[in-house]
């Protein structure tokens, strides 16, 4: 593959790049296609080596982010391959420098049939000096960043995708008495991809999340986005691939609701509906932010998420007797949530968790003030939220669509 690279001197240089990987001979719609380990072999001509030698090391190690895209039925979507790394490689005096950057790349799940084509894109190579044994160099200079652009479409592999066997239809399941049936998502939701990004070059998608939240004072857990209670809330998002991973902005299409029974005061069974409504992080367009940073050696992404939610409680029953809490029994301020986790690729999904504080409640009661009751039994620190993110449906390319509701990952008991 022919690339043109920009060095710090500003002089463009022609660089050869060979991308190799083990791609399956064929795939099935709805099932992951795993490219396996990918190696990008970069040949830097000797004429372009002075800035590499200026790093001051006998050898260099490198990390590489190879931009890539997958195309099916004329629809293309970007998939970043950031976790590529080179071993310590000697810098020759009078020859080209050949660097082999390797790493595992995430799978792609095609929603439909037809050839799935993987195409290489831009390449960002970062070089650090090392001694002859691959050890750190004393008083090392700043890493050398080299940005390369392909001369045209660089097809790496094409995998034919078929429909596979069609499973028999499932028997319908009757809803439990007294409960509304959870409406299955069924097909890509019409709302998917309708969330606008900060700029036009962000890519739209959608997903579902599920999880559990431990309420420390009640010594119990509530389901998040419970499909047994009603249709689960869709998460709309936009994403942008970065040099270090990905940035995601998200917003729930509707509030998250669940119905749970706790023992208040240790012995009184209390059932209530909990509704979580997302609030903007601050005045502006951003609601939820997710930042994914890839480990350049392993490719694993460390993800940090931030969002704000208002919690409302209604339809309360104590020992089977309705308790009128009014229409606006909610936390007096928003709940600030910061969740963290590690996963191979944020667009493929994973698990995030974090501790949070439930603020006091206000507006509770019709005729009597029930704020102290809910603040005393529910509000406080040390609660744990664990969220499972599903794979992102990318409607423009029909990848991982329709989105599936992931199985929730149960929380551990909060410490303390």
Protein backbone atom coordinates (compact mmCIF):
# COMPACT_ATOMS: atom_id res chain seq x y z
CA UNK A 1 0.00 0.00 0.00
CA UNK A 2 1.36 3.45 -0.89
CA UNK A 3 1.26 6.18 1.77
CA UNK A 4 2.54 9.74 1.97
CA UNK A 5 3.82 10.64 5.42
CA UNK A 6 4.38 14.04 7.03
CA UNK A 7 7.52 14.30 9.18
CA UNK A 8 8.24 17.17 11.63
CA UNK A 9 10.42 18.82 8.97
CA UNK A 10 7.29 19.27 6.87
CA UNK A 11 8.77 17.30 3.98
CA UNK A 12 6.40 14.62 2.67
CA UNK A 13 7.91 11.17 2.14
CA UNK A 14 6.60 8.13 0.31
CA UNK A 15 6.31 5.17 2.68
CA UNK A 16 5.35 1.58 1.98
CA UNK A 17 2.77 -0.07 4.25
CA UNK A 18 1.75 -3.73 4.11
CA UNK A 19 -1.33 -4.74 6.14
CA UNK A 20 -1.74 -8.43 6.91
CA UNK A 21 -4.26 -10.29 9.01
CA UNK A 22 -6.12 -13.55 9.31
CA UNK A 23 -9.61 -12.91 7.97
CA UNK A 24 -12.30 -15.62 7.85
CA UNK A 25 -13.15 -17.09 4.46
CA UNK A 26 -16.85 -16.33 4.99
CA UNK A 27 -19.23 -14.86 7.56
CA UNK A 28 -22.85 -15.03 8.65
CA UNK A 29 -25.19 -12.06 9.06
CA UNK A 30 -25.71 -11.23 12.73
CA UNK A 31 -22.56 -13.04 13.87
CA UNK A 32 -19.19 -11.38 14.66
CA UNK A 33 -16.46 -11.47 12.02
CA UNK A 34 -13.14 -11.51 13.85
CA UNK A 35 -10.13 -10.36 11.80
CA UNK A 36 -7.78 -11.68 14.47
CA UNK A 37 -4.29 -10.25 14.86
CA UNK A 38 -3.38 -7.56 12.31
CA UNK A 39 0.15 -6.48 11.40
CA UNK A 40 0.99 -3.23 9.63
CA UNK A 41 4.56 -3.38 8.28
CA UNK A 42 5.85 0.14 7.65
CA UNK A 43 8.98 0.71 5.55
CA UNK A 44 10.53 4.15 6.12
CA UNK A 45 13.11 4.98 3.41
CA UNK A 46 16.64 5.76 4.59
CA UNK A 47 16.33 9.30 3.20
CA UNK A 48 13.60 9.98 5.78
CA UNK A 49 15.50 8.56 8.78
CA UNK A 50 17.40 11.66 10.10
CA UNK A 51 14.56 12.68 12.49
CA UNK A 52 14.34 9.05 13.68
CA UNK A 53 18.09 8.93 14.37
CA UNK A 54 17.81 12.30 16.11
CA UNK A 55 15.76 10.60 18.83
CA UNK A 56 19.09 9.33 20.15
CA UNK A 57 18.39 5.63 20.57
CA UNK A 58 20.06 2.58 19.05
CA UNK A 59 16.57 1.15 18.59
CA UNK A 60 13.04 2.51 18.46
CA UNK A 61 9.68 1.17 19.58
CA UNK A 62 6.46 2.35 18.02
CA UNK A 63 2.73 2.47 18.47
CA UNK A 64 0.40 2.77 15.52
CA UNK A 65 -3.22 3.67 14.93
CA UNK A 66 -4.46 2.45 11.59
CA UNK A 67 -7.70 3.95 10.43
CA UNK A 68 -9.93 1.43 8.69
CA UNK A 69 -13.45 1.19 7.35
CA UNK A 70 -15.83 -1.63 6.53
CA UNK A 71 -18.17 -1.41 3.55
CA UNK A 72 -21.21 -3.56 2.81
CA UNK A 73 -23.78 -2.97 0.09
CA UNK A 74 -22.33 0.46 -0.66
CA UNK A 75 -22.47 1.66 2.96
CA UNK A 76 -19.16 2.41 4.71
CA UNK A 77 -18.45 2.99 8.38
CA UNK A 78 -15.13 3.70 10.15
CA UNK A 79 -13.57 1.19 12.54
CA UNK A 80 -10.34 2.24 14.23
CA UNK A 81 -7.46 -0.17 14.82
CA UNK A 82 -5.48 1.76 17.45
CA UNK A 83 -3.79 -1.00 19.44
CA UNK A 84 -0.85 -1.85 17.15
CA UNK A 85 2.68 -1.91 18.61
CA UNK A 86 6.21 -2.66 17.35
CA UNK A 87 9.05 -4.40 19.19
CA UNK A 88 12.37 -2.62 19.70
CA UNK A 89 13.87 -2.33 16.21
CA UNK A 90 17.46 -1.24 15.38
CA UNK A 91 17.78 1.99 13.41
CA UNK A 92 20.03 1.22 10.41
CA UNK A 93 22.82 3.55 9.31
CA UNK A 94 22.45 3.05 5.56
CA UNK A 95 19.22 1.16 4.89
CA UNK A 96 15.46 1.50 5.15
CA UNK A 97 13.82 1.09 8.58
CA UNK A 98 11.22 -1.67 8.63
CA UNK A 99 8.74 -1.61 11.53
CA UNK A 100 6.11 -4.30 12.13
CA UNK A 101 3.22 -3.03 14.30
CA UNK A 102 0.87 -5.79 15.46
CA UNK A 103 -2.21 -6.08 17.62
CA UNK A 104 -5.64 -7.63 18.01
CA UNK A 105 -8.50 -5.71 16.42
CA UNK A 106 -12.19 -5.80 17.39
CA UNK A 107 -14.76 -7.91 15.56
CA UNK A 108 -17.41 -6.49 13.23
CA UNK A 109 -20.99 -7.81 13.22
CA UNK A 110 -22.74 -7.41 9.84
CA UNK A 111 -26.50 -7.11 10.03
CA UNK A 112 -27.13 -8.11 6.41
CA UNK A 113 -25.76 -10.24 3.60
CA UNK A 114 -23.27 -9.26 0.92
CA UNK A 115 -19.51 -8.79 0.69
CA UNK A 116 -17.93 -7.06 3.70
CA UNK A 117 -14.84 -5.14 2.57
CA UNK A 118 -12.12 -3.96 4.96
CA UNK A 119 -10.23 -0.88 3.72
CA UNK A 120 -7.12 0.69 5.28
CA UNK A 121 -7.13 4.43 5.94
CA UNK A 122 -4.87 6.98 7.59
CA UNK A 123 -1.93 5.85 9.74
CA UNK A 124 -0.51 7.59 12.82
CA UNK A 125 2.87 6.24 13.94
CA UNK A 126 4.55 7.34 17.18
CA UNK A 127 8.21 6.38 17.76
CA UNK A 128 10.16 6.37 21.05
CA UNK A 129 13.93 5.85 21.42
CA UNK A 130 15.33 2.77 23.18
CA UNK A 131 18.84 1.47 23.85
CA UNK A 132 20.32 -1.57 22.10
CA UNK A 133 18.54 -3.92 24.52
CA UNK A 134 15.17 -2.21 24.20
CA UNK A 135 15.51 -0.34 27.50
CA UNK A 136 14.68 3.27 28.23
CA UNK A 137 17.11 5.96 27.11
CA UNK A 138 18.34 8.52 29.63
CA UNK A 139 17.22 12.07 28.82
CA UNK A 140 15.12 10.77 25.95
CA UNK A 141 13.63 13.25 23.54
CA UNK A 142 9.93 13.69 22.92
CA UNK A 143 8.33 10.91 20.85
CA UNK A 144 8.33 11.39 17.08
CA UNK A 145 4.82 11.52 15.58
CA UNK A 146 4.41 10.65 11.90
CA UNK A 147 1.05 11.07 10.16
CA UNK A 148 0.44 9.20 6.92
CA UNK A 149 -2.32 9.35 4.32
CA UNK A 150 -3.09 6.61 1.77
CA UNK A 151 -2.84 7.40 -1.93
CA UNK A 152 -6.29 5.90 -2.53
CA UNK A 153 -8.62 3.12 -1.44
CA UNK A 154 -6.47 0.38 0.07
CA UNK A 155 -8.55 -2.81 0.24
CA UNK A 156 -7.19 -5.21 2.86
CA UNK A 157 -9.71 -8.06 2.66
CA UNK A 158 -13.21 -8.94 1.48
CA UNK A 159 -15.36 -11.44 3.40
CA UNK A 160 -18.57 -12.77 1.79
CA UNK A 161 -21.49 -12.73 4.25
CA UNK A 162 -24.46 -15.08 3.90
CA UNK A 163 -27.77 -15.32 5.75
CA UNK A 164 -27.01 -18.65 7.42
CA UNK A 165 -29.72 -20.89 8.79
CA UNK A 166 -33.01 -19.28 9.80
CA UNK A 167 -33.98 -20.28 13.37
CA UNK A 168 -37.52 -21.51 13.99
CA UNK A 169 -39.90 -18.87 15.40
CA UNK A 170 -40.10 -18.74 19.17
CA UNK A 171 -43.31 -19.50 20.99
CA UNK A 172 -44.97 -16.34 22.31
CA UNK A 173 -44.70 -15.83 26.05
CA UNK A 174 -47.73 -14.54 27.92
CA UNK A 175 -47.13 -11.57 30.24
CA UNK A 176 -47.47 -12.07 33.96
CA UNK A 177 -50.77 -11.05 35.47
CA UNK A 178 -50.85 -7.41 36.51
CA UNK A 179 -47.74 -6.53 34.47
CA UNK A 180 -47.60 -4.86 31.06
CA UNK A 181 -45.67 -6.95 28.52
CA UNK A 182 -42.23 -5.66 27.63
CA UNK A 183 -42.34 -4.63 24.00
CA UNK A 184 -39.44 -6.28 22.17
CA UNK A 185 -37.23 -3.81 20.32
CA UNK A 186 -37.79 -5.79 17.06
CA UNK A 187 -36.00 -4.16 14.12
CA UNK A 188 -33.87 -1.04 14.15
CA UNK A 189 -35.85 1.64 16.03
CA UNK A 190 -36.93 4.65 13.98
CA UNK A 191 -35.24 6.94 16.55
CA UNK A 192 -31.83 5.28 16.03
CA UNK A 193 -29.17 7.70 14.83
CA UNK A 194 -31.28 10.86 15.29
CA UNK A 195 -28.94 12.47 17.84
CA UNK A 196 -26.81 15.29 16.40
CA UNK A 197 -23.09 15.38 17.11
CA UNK A 198 -20.90 18.37 18.02
CA UNK A 199 -19.87 18.58 14.33
CA UNK A 200 -20.97 16.93 11.10
CA UNK A 201 -18.07 14.44 11.08
CA UNK A 202 -19.40 12.47 14.07
CA UNK A 203 -21.08 9.16 13.19
CA UNK A 204 -24.59 8.29 14.49
CA UNK A 205 -25.71 5.06 16.13
CA UNK A 206 -27.77 3.63 18.95
CA UNK A 207 -27.59 0.93 21.60
CA UNK A 208 -29.34 -0.43 24.68
CA UNK A 209 -27.97 -0.67 28.18
CA UNK A 210 -29.09 -2.60 31.22
CA UNK A 211 -27.82 -3.12 34.72
CA UNK A 212 -28.35 -3.18 38.46
CA UNK A 213 -28.05 -0.52 41.13
CA UNK A 214 -27.39 -1.39 44.76
CA UNK A 215 -29.11 0.96 47.22
CA UNK A 216 -26.92 0.81 50.31
CA UNK A 217 -29.45 1.89 52.94
CA UNK A 218 -32.05 -0.60 51.73
CA UNK A 219 -29.51 -3.42 51.34
CA UNK A 220 -31.06 -4.36 48.01
CA UNK A 221 -30.79 -3.83 44.26
CA UNK A 222 -33.00 -2.42 41.56
CA UNK A 223 -32.93 -3.31 37.87
CA UNK A 224 -31.90 -0.58 35.45
CA UNK A 225 -33.90 -0.33 32.21
CA UNK A 226 -35.97 -3.37 33.18
CA UNK A 227 -37.58 -5.03 30.09
CA UNK A 228 -39.99 -6.94 32.35
CA UNK A 229 -41.62 -3.66 33.37
CA UNK A 230 -41.94 -1.96 29.99
CA UNK A 231 -40.24 -1.22 26.71
CA UNK A 232 -36.55 -0.53 27.45
CA UNK A 233 -35.23 2.96 26.76
CA UNK A 234 -33.04 3.30 23.68
CA UNK A 235 -29.72 5.12 23.90
CA UNK A 236 -28.95 7.36 20.92
CA UNK A 237 -25.32 8.26 20.37
CA UNK A 238 -22.73 9.77 18.09
CA UNK A 239 -19.07 8.77 18.03
CA UNK A 240 -15.77 10.02 16.70
CA UNK A 241 -12.60 7.96 16.36
CA UNK A 242 -9.55 9.65 17.90
CA UNK A 243 -5.80 9.05 17.84
CA UNK A 244 -6.09 7.30 21.21
CA UNK A 245 -9.49 5.59 20.96
CA UNK A 246 -12.96 7.07 20.62
CA UNK A 247 -15.24 9.80 21.97
CA UNK A 248 -18.97 9.13 22.37
CA UNK A 249 -21.87 11.45 23.17
CA UNK A 250 -25.16 9.82 24.18
CA UNK A 251 -28.72 10.64 25.20
CA UNK A 252 -31.54 8.35 26.31
CA UNK A 253 -34.56 8.59 24.04
CA UNK A 254 -36.89 8.22 27.05
CA UNK A 255 -36.62 7.89 30.85
CA UNK A 256 -35.39 4.61 32.33
CA UNK A 257 -38.04 2.90 34.48
CA UNK A 258 -38.18 -0.13 36.74
CA UNK A 259 -40.38 -1.46 39.53
CA UNK A 260 -38.77 -2.83 42.67
CA UNK A 261 -39.70 -4.09 46.13
CA UNK A 262 -37.52 -3.30 49.15
CA UNK A 263 -37.86 -3.86 52.88
CA UNK A 264 -37.96 -0.37 54.39
CA UNK A 265 -36.90 -0.14 58.02
CA UNK A 266 -35.86 -3.79 57.62
CA UNK A 267 -39.34 -5.30 57.74
CA UNK A 268 -41.93 -3.32 55.73
CA UNK A 269 -42.22 -4.51 52.08
CA UNK A 270 -42.38 -1.37 49.94
CA UNK A 271 -42.88 -1.48 46.17
CA UNK A 272 -42.26 1.57 43.98
CA UNK A 273 -41.63 2.59 40.40
CA UNK A 274 -38.31 4.36 39.89
CA UNK A 275 -37.91 6.69 36.92
CA UNK A 276 -34.50 8.08 35.91
CA UNK A 277 -34.57 11.09 33.57
CA UNK A 278 -31.33 12.25 31.96
CA UNK A 279 -30.27 15.87 32.44
CA UNK A 280 -27.71 17.88 30.46
CA UNK A 281 -24.24 17.91 32.01
CA UNK A 282 -24.32 21.70 31.82
CA UNK A 283 -26.17 24.25 29.69
CA UNK A 284 -25.58 23.06 26.14
CA UNK A 285 -26.07 20.02 23.94
CA UNK A 286 -24.04 17.39 25.84
CA UNK A 287 -25.94 14.88 27.97
CA UNK A 288 -23.73 11.81 28.44
CA UNK A 289 -20.04 11.65 27.53
CA UNK A 290 -17.96 8.50 27.07
CA UNK A 291 -14.20 8.66 26.48
CA UNK A 292 -12.35 5.50 25.43
CA UNK A 293 -8.53 5.41 25.54
CA UNK A 294 -6.77 2.39 24.03
CA UNK A 295 -3.74 0.70 25.56
CA UNK A 296 -1.30 0.75 22.66
CA UNK A 297 0.20 -2.60 23.73
CA UNK A 298 -2.98 -4.63 24.29
CA UNK A 299 -5.63 -2.63 22.40
CA UNK A 300 -7.93 -2.79 25.45
CA UNK A 301 -9.85 0.44 25.96
CA UNK A 302 -10.25 2.17 29.32
CA UNK A 303 -13.64 3.87 29.25
CA UNK A 304 -14.88 6.71 31.46
CA UNK A 305 -18.53 7.79 31.29
CA UNK A 306 -20.20 10.85 32.81
CA UNK A 307 -23.92 11.64 32.99
CA UNK A 308 -26.50 13.27 35.26
CA UNK A 309 -29.88 11.79 36.19
CA UNK A 310 -32.93 12.93 38.14
CA UNK A 311 -34.65 10.12 40.10
CA UNK A 312 -38.42 10.17 40.59
CA UNK A 313 -40.45 7.73 42.70
CA UNK A 314 -44.15 7.02 42.15
CA UNK A 315 -46.81 4.28 42.38
CA UNK A 316 -45.65 3.44 45.90
CA UNK A 317 -47.24 0.65 47.94
CA UNK A 318 -46.39 -0.18 51.55
CA UNK A 319 -47.43 -3.70 52.59
CA UNK A 320 -49.79 -3.69 49.59
CA UNK A 321 -51.48 -0.39 50.52
CA UNK A 322 -51.03 2.55 48.10
CA UNK A 323 -49.07 5.51 49.46
CA UNK A 324 -49.77 8.79 47.67
CA UNK A 325 -46.40 10.45 47.15
CA UNK A 326 -47.63 12.97 44.56
CA UNK A 327 -46.49 13.48 40.97
CA UNK A 328 -43.11 15.07 41.68
CA UNK A 329 -41.38 13.04 44.39
CA UNK A 330 -37.79 13.23 43.17
CA UNK A 331 -34.22 13.91 44.21
CA UNK A 332 -33.77 17.57 45.09
CA UNK A 333 -30.76 17.74 42.76
CA UNK A 334 -29.44 15.60 39.94
CA UNK A 335 -27.43 12.46 40.59
CA UNK A 336 -23.90 12.83 39.24
CA UNK A 337 -22.68 9.53 37.74
CA UNK A 338 -19.11 8.66 36.77
CA UNK A 339 -18.65 5.09 35.55
CA UNK A 340 -15.46 3.35 34.48
CA UNK A 341 -14.53 0.05 32.89
CA UNK A 342 -12.33 -1.75 30.41
CA UNK A 343 -13.42 -3.44 27.19
CA UNK A 344 -11.91 -4.42 23.82
CA UNK A 345 -13.89 -1.75 21.97
CA UNK A 346 -16.58 0.64 23.20
CA UNK A 347 -18.60 0.16 20.01
CA UNK A 348 -18.76 -3.59 20.73
CA UNK A 349 -19.98 -3.03 24.29
CA UNK A 350 -18.84 -3.97 27.78
CA UNK A 351 -19.38 -3.30 31.48
CA UNK A 352 -18.99 -0.03 33.40
CA UNK A 353 -19.50 0.61 37.10
CA UNK A 354 -19.03 3.21 39.79
CA UNK A 355 -20.19 4.43 43.19
CA UNK A 356 -22.63 7.32 43.51
CA UNK A 357 -24.59 9.35 46.06
CA UNK A 358 -28.39 9.55 46.08
CA UNK A 359 -29.39 13.13 47.09
CA UNK A 360 -32.27 13.85 49.50
CA UNK A 361 -35.81 13.80 48.11
CA UNK A 362 -38.25 16.69 47.85
CA UNK A 363 -41.83 17.16 46.67
CA UNK A 364 -42.95 13.86 48.20
CA UNK A 365 -46.43 13.50 49.66
CA UNK A 366 -49.98 14.69 49.07
CA UNK A 367 -51.25 16.31 52.24
CA UNK A 368 -48.32 15.20 54.36
CA UNK A 369 -44.59 15.74 54.01
CA UNK A 370 -42.95 12.43 53.07
CA UNK A 371 -39.57 13.94 52.16
CA UNK A 372 -37.96 12.82 55.45
CA UNK A 373 -39.23 9.25 54.90
CA UNK A 374 -37.56 8.79 51.51
CA UNK A 375 -34.50 10.85 52.34
CA UNK A 376 -33.97 8.82 55.49
CA UNK A 377 -34.46 5.39 53.91
CA UNK A 378 -32.94 5.88 50.43
CA UNK A 379 -30.67 8.96 50.18
CA UNK A 380 -26.97 8.69 50.95
CA UNK A 381 -23.53 7.72 49.58
CA UNK A 382 -21.99 4.33 48.87
CA UNK A 383 -24.43 3.08 46.24
CA UNK A 384 -23.04 1.06 43.32
CA UNK A 385 -24.22 1.12 39.72
CA UNK A 386 -23.12 -1.50 37.18
CA UNK A 387 -24.15 -1.01 33.56
CA UNK A 388 -23.84 -3.39 30.59
CA UNK A 389 -23.49 -1.62 27.23
CA UNK A 390 -24.71 -3.44 24.14
CA UNK A 391 -22.99 -3.34 20.77
CA UNK A 392 -23.60 -0.11 18.85
CA UNK A 393 -26.00 -0.35 15.92
CA UNK A 394 -24.66 1.82 13.08
CA UNK A 395 -27.72 2.33 10.88
CA UNK A 396 -25.92 4.02 7.98
CA UNK A 397 -23.87 0.84 7.44
CA UNK A 398 -26.39 -1.65 8.88
CA UNK A 399 -23.76 -3.01 11.29
CA UNK A 400 -24.83 -4.66 14.59
CA UNK A 401 -28.45 -3.73 13.80
CA UNK A 402 -31.00 -3.97 15.26
CA UNK A 403 -29.45 -3.24 18.67
CA UNK A 404 -29.84 -5.98 21.27
CA UNK A 405 -30.61 -5.46 24.97
CA UNK A 406 -27.60 -6.89 26.84
CA UNK A 407 -27.91 -9.23 29.79
CA UNK A 408 -27.33 -7.09 32.91
CA UNK A 409 -24.19 -7.68 34.95
CA UNK A 410 -25.07 -7.88 38.63
CA UNK A 411 -23.42 -5.53 41.07
CA UNK A 412 -21.36 -6.42 44.07
CA UNK A 413 -22.33 -5.10 47.46
CA UNK A 414 -20.92 -1.62 48.07
CA UNK A 415 -17.97 -1.52 50.45
CA UNK A 416 -18.45 0.01 53.84
